Each structure stands twice: as structure tokens, then as C-alpha cells.
Protein backbone atom coordinates (compact mmCIF):
# COMPACT_ATOMS: atom_id res chain seq x y z
CA MET A 1 28.53 -16.89 -1.04
CA ALA A 2 29.76 -14.30 1.44
CA THR A 3 32.45 -11.94 0.23
CA ALA A 4 35.68 -11.16 2.06
CA ARG A 5 34.94 -7.45 2.44
CA PRO A 6 35.71 -5.86 5.84
CA ASP A 7 33.01 -5.52 8.48
CA PRO A 8 31.33 -2.15 8.99
CA ARG A 9 31.25 -0.57 12.43
CA PHE A 10 28.08 -0.70 14.50
CA TYR A 11 26.94 1.77 17.12
CA HIS A 12 24.03 1.48 19.54
CA ILE A 13 22.71 5.00 20.11
CA ASP A 14 20.16 3.63 22.59
CA THR A 15 18.29 0.41 23.19
CA HIS A 16 16.29 0.69 19.96
CA THR A 17 18.53 2.68 17.56
CA LEU A 18 21.34 1.05 15.58
CA VAL A 19 23.90 2.64 13.25
CA LEU A 20 25.89 0.84 10.55
CA ASP A 21 28.93 2.89 9.53
CA CYS A 22 31.23 1.89 6.66
CA SER A 23 33.04 5.22 6.26
CA ALA A 24 36.31 3.84 7.69
CA ILE A 25 36.56 1.01 5.13
CA ASP A 26 39.19 2.21 2.68
CA SER A 27 39.33 -0.93 0.53
CA ILE A 28 35.87 -0.35 -1.00
CA GLU A 29 35.27 2.49 -3.46
CA HIS A 30 33.08 5.27 -2.05
CA GLN A 31 30.22 4.94 -4.53
CA HIS A 32 30.06 1.18 -4.06
CA LYS A 33 29.84 1.58 -0.28
CA GLN A 34 27.02 4.08 -0.74
CA ARG A 35 25.15 1.71 -3.04
CA MET A 36 25.44 -1.04 -0.43
CA VAL A 37 24.15 1.26 2.32
CA ASN A 38 21.26 2.40 0.14
CA HIS A 39 20.31 -1.17 -0.72
CA LEU A 40 20.25 -2.17 2.94
CA ALA A 41 18.11 0.88 3.70
CA ASN A 42 15.54 -0.17 1.10
CA THR A 43 15.65 -3.77 2.35
CA TYR A 44 15.15 -3.11 6.04
CA ILE A 45 12.49 -0.41 6.01
CA ASN A 46 9.44 -1.98 7.70
CA GLN A 47 11.36 -5.21 8.28
CA GLY A 48 13.08 -6.74 11.28
CA GLY A 49 11.20 -4.48 13.69
CA CYS A 50 12.45 -1.30 11.96
CA ILE A 51 9.99 1.58 11.97
CA ASP A 52 12.31 3.96 10.10
CA VAL A 53 15.61 3.62 8.23
CA VAL A 54 17.72 6.64 7.30
CA SER A 55 20.48 6.36 4.68
CA ALA A 56 23.21 9.01 4.93
CA HIS A 57 26.83 9.46 3.86
CA GLN A 58 28.23 5.89 4.06
CA CYS A 59 26.13 5.09 7.09
CA LEU A 60 22.70 3.76 7.96
CA THR A 61 20.56 4.43 11.03
CA LEU A 62 17.78 2.02 11.95
CA TYR A 63 15.06 3.09 14.38
CA CYS A 64 13.38 0.02 15.87
CA ALA A 65 10.14 -0.65 17.67
CA GLN A 66 10.30 -1.15 21.41
CA GLY A 67 11.16 -4.75 22.21
CA THR A 68 13.13 -5.38 19.01
CA ASP A 69 16.24 -7.53 19.53
CA VAL A 70 18.77 -5.00 18.25
CA VAL A 71 21.71 -7.37 18.79
CA GLN A 72 20.03 -9.93 16.55
CA LEU A 73 19.25 -7.21 14.00
CA GLN A 74 22.93 -6.23 13.97
CA GLN A 75 23.93 -9.80 13.16
CA GLN A 76 21.34 -9.92 10.36
CA LEU A 77 22.71 -6.69 8.93
CA LEU A 78 26.27 -7.99 9.07
CA THR A 79 25.26 -11.16 7.23
CA ALA A 80 23.38 -9.13 4.61
CA TRP A 81 26.37 -6.80 4.20
CA HIS A 82 28.65 -9.72 3.27
CA GLN A 83 26.09 -11.25 0.90
CA LEU A 84 25.55 -8.13 -1.23
CA ASP A 85 26.78 -8.35 -4.82
CA GLU A 86 26.48 -6.22 -7.96
CA THR A 87 23.32 -7.97 -9.15
CA THR A 88 21.39 -6.67 -6.13
CA LEU A 89 22.44 -3.02 -6.42
CA SER A 90 20.51 -1.79 -9.48
CA HIS A 91 18.27 1.28 -9.23
CA ALA A 92 16.23 3.61 -11.44
CA HIS A 93 17.75 6.00 -13.97
CA HIS A 94 16.57 9.57 -14.66
CA ASP A 95 17.35 11.92 -17.56
CA ILE A 96 16.83 15.47 -16.27
CA PRO A 97 16.15 18.24 -18.82
CA VAL A 98 18.04 21.41 -17.80
CA ARG A 99 17.97 24.97 -19.08
CA TYR A 100 21.44 26.17 -18.18
CA GLY A 101 22.02 29.80 -17.24
CA GLY A 102 19.25 32.36 -17.40
CA GLU A 103 17.44 33.79 -14.39
CA TYR A 104 17.78 30.56 -12.43
CA GLY A 105 21.38 29.69 -13.31
CA ILE A 106 22.76 33.06 -12.23
CA ASP A 107 26.14 31.67 -11.15
CA LEU A 108 26.94 29.93 -14.44
CA GLU A 109 29.33 32.61 -15.70
CA ALA A 110 31.07 32.83 -12.31
CA VAL A 111 31.44 29.05 -12.27
CA ALA A 112 32.99 29.16 -15.74
CA GLU A 113 35.43 31.86 -14.67
CA ALA A 114 36.41 30.04 -11.47
CA SER A 115 36.86 26.78 -13.39
CA LYS A 116 38.85 28.48 -16.17
CA MET A 117 36.43 27.28 -18.80
CA SER A 118 33.89 28.80 -21.14
CA VAL A 119 30.19 28.65 -20.27
CA LYS A 120 29.73 26.17 -23.11
CA GLU A 121 32.47 23.93 -21.69
CA VAL A 122 30.89 24.01 -18.22
CA ILE A 123 27.53 22.97 -19.65
CA GLU A 124 29.07 20.20 -21.72
CA LEU A 125 31.06 18.90 -18.75
CA HIS A 126 28.16 19.00 -16.29
CA SER A 127 25.84 17.25 -18.74
CA SER A 128 28.40 14.64 -19.78
CA ALA A 129 28.70 12.87 -16.42
CA LEU A 130 26.72 9.92 -15.08
CA TYR A 131 25.64 10.82 -11.53
CA GLU A 132 24.38 8.79 -8.60
CA VAL A 133 22.09 9.75 -5.73
CA ASP A 134 23.87 9.27 -2.42
CA PHE A 135 21.08 10.16 -0.01
CA LEU A 136 18.20 12.58 0.54
CA GLY A 137 18.12 15.33 3.15
CA PHE A 138 17.94 19.08 3.89
CA GLN A 139 14.35 19.24 2.59
CA PRO A 140 11.87 16.65 1.24
CA GLY A 141 13.11 15.30 -2.08
CA PHE A 142 16.50 17.10 -1.96
CA ALA A 143 19.08 14.61 -3.27
CA TYR A 144 22.82 14.83 -2.68
CA ILE A 145 24.17 13.64 -6.02
CA SER A 146 27.74 12.41 -6.59
CA GLY A 147 29.67 12.23 -9.84
CA LEU A 148 30.39 15.92 -10.47
CA PRO A 149 33.52 16.19 -12.65
CA LYS A 150 36.50 17.33 -10.60
CA ALA A 151 37.04 20.43 -12.74
CA LEU A 152 33.70 21.73 -11.43
CA HIS A 153 34.43 21.19 -7.72
CA LEU A 154 33.86 24.61 -6.18
CA PRO A 155 33.13 25.74 -2.60
CA ARG A 156 29.72 26.86 -1.44
CA LEU A 157 29.00 30.56 -1.51
CA ASP A 158 30.48 32.60 1.34
CA THR A 159 27.02 34.05 2.01
CA PRO A 160 24.02 31.80 1.28
CA ARG A 161 21.08 33.29 -0.59
CA THR A 162 17.85 33.70 1.31
CA GLU A 163 15.83 32.43 -1.66
CA VAL A 164 16.59 29.80 -4.29
CA LYS A 165 13.77 28.94 -6.67
CA LYS A 166 12.18 25.51 -6.96
CA GLY A 167 13.80 23.47 -9.75
CA THR A 168 17.17 25.23 -9.61
CA VAL A 169 20.16 23.02 -10.50
CA ALA A 170 23.26 23.73 -8.43
CA ILE A 171 26.78 22.53 -7.62
CA ALA A 172 29.00 22.69 -4.54
CA HIS A 173 32.18 20.81 -3.60
CA ASP A 174 31.91 17.34 -5.23
CA LYS A 175 28.11 17.29 -5.49
CA THR A 176 25.33 18.53 -7.71
CA ALA A 177 21.70 18.96 -6.62
CA ILE A 178 18.27 20.23 -7.60
CA TYR A 179 16.17 22.30 -5.20
CA PRO A 180 12.77 20.55 -4.96
CA ALA A 181 11.15 23.58 -3.33
CA GLN A 182 11.95 27.26 -2.83
CA SER A 183 14.34 27.69 0.09
CA PRO A 184 17.53 29.40 1.24
CA GLY A 185 20.69 27.92 -0.27
CA GLY A 186 24.41 28.41 -0.56
CA TRP A 187 25.23 26.37 -3.67
CA ASN A 188 26.36 27.70 -7.06
CA LEU A 189 23.28 27.99 -9.28
CA ILE A 190 23.77 26.89 -12.89
CA GLY A 191 20.38 26.01 -14.38
CA TYR A 192 16.76 24.97 -14.01
CA THR A 193 14.49 21.96 -14.55
CA ASP A 194 10.70 22.01 -14.50
CA LEU A 195 10.44 18.41 -13.28
CA CYS A 196 8.59 17.94 -10.00
CA LEU A 197 10.97 16.30 -7.52
CA PHE A 198 8.57 15.91 -4.61
CA ASP A 199 4.80 15.46 -4.51
CA LYS A 200 3.15 14.21 -1.34
CA HIS A 201 0.36 12.69 -3.41
CA ASN A 202 2.75 10.40 -5.32
CA THR A 203 3.93 6.97 -4.17
CA PRO A 204 6.76 7.36 -3.35
CA PRO A 205 6.54 11.16 -2.95
CA ALA A 206 10.19 11.80 -3.93
CA LEU A 207 11.26 11.37 -7.55
CA PHE A 208 14.77 10.23 -6.58
CA ALA A 209 15.82 7.39 -4.29
CA PRO A 210 19.31 6.62 -2.97
CA GLY A 211 21.26 4.67 -5.57
CA ASP A 212 19.39 6.08 -8.59
CA THR A 213 21.51 7.27 -11.51
CA ILE A 214 21.06 10.62 -13.25
CA ARG A 215 22.11 12.41 -16.41
CA PHE A 216 21.46 16.08 -17.05
CA VAL A 217 20.31 16.86 -20.58
CA GLU A 218 20.65 20.40 -21.92
CA VAL A 219 17.49 21.86 -23.45
CA ASN A 220 17.01 25.22 -25.12
CA HIS A 221 15.45 28.19 -23.37
CA ASP A 222 11.90 28.98 -24.47
């Protein structure tokens, strides 16, 4: 049975690109909206004439093949939006082993000072939360992960580093993340995992998918 939730907004970027945007719906909790968007993304990839579907922050962009009836697709999406329920929104869970601090987590002490906590308290707080992947972007396999405890909400660095190592665990604003490959970065670096987050030979190549849940598990340094 359809729910009574508000309609999302729809935008037609061109004749074959459609955007579903639920960011203006205040009556639905943020994480639930993101789960709904992510589920629709997984449902419509390679369906309904879609050749690519991109899930982002509370919105969804569908790129369609030439000749696709985008108006009909919009109506299908709207119907699917109202039919979503909790039983359809489950995703994979990942426990991520993390070595906090050290040569990779070089900002851990600064994070503790800025948060008015000890290093031990920062580690315990970061590893106590249940996180959820909002969407992937920036580089292949890079997940924007929500659920960071409010006491650890800190701004990005004023000057980004030119090199952040692969596997580095970081925080910025209300998000945490793991760098899947070496790259520049402006987040606060607090630890390291040796898990591979992106491998083009795997199916799918990215370890994380939107909607997945995550816990960070502290492990000892070798």
C-alpha cells in the first residue's frame, strides 16, 4: 500500500536526463531519505531505459537512452517512491579494522584537542558509532559515510594536503571516510585500514555501496 509521504521534486535536465530530489522534504529523517534514494538507484540501473543512475546527497540522477519516455519514467519513479517500506531498504554491513593514529592518522591528537577529549576517548567514540554510506564520489570507491558522533564534527583543513595515503581513515564536518587510493585531501586523518576498497577486477569493483552500514573496529599497531 502506498504511504502518505510527500512527493519528491523532479527536474528534467534535458530530454533524456531526469533528477529526483527529496532534499526539501523535512518530514522524513535524512538517513531514511538517503536509503530510499539509494534503493531506487539500485533498482533502476539498467532498467526503464536507464543507462546510468547516480545517487548523491538526497537526490538521484537518471541518464536514459535516446527515445526513452522520461515522463513515463518519472511517473514510475513516483509510484516506486510511495511504495518503499523498511523491508526493502536493507543493505550489506562491513566491520572495518582500523589502526588509529600512527603515521597515517597524523591528525588524531589535533582532533582530540579540538574536541576537548583524550585520544583514547576520540578512538572509543569514533569506533562506537554505526555508520551508513550515503553515496560514492570524488574518486572510485570513495564513500561519504554518515553517522559521525556530533562531538567529532570538525571542519576540513584550511590547506588540503597534496598526498593522503591509500587506506587512510578521516573525518570532516558530519562525515567519516576512507581514502581508497592515494590522492590529495583536506580531511582530518585519524587512522588506517589495509582493506582494499576498490578493485576493478572485482564485481562490483567498490567494496561499499550506498546504504551499506559500517562499524570501525580498533586493532593494535603491528
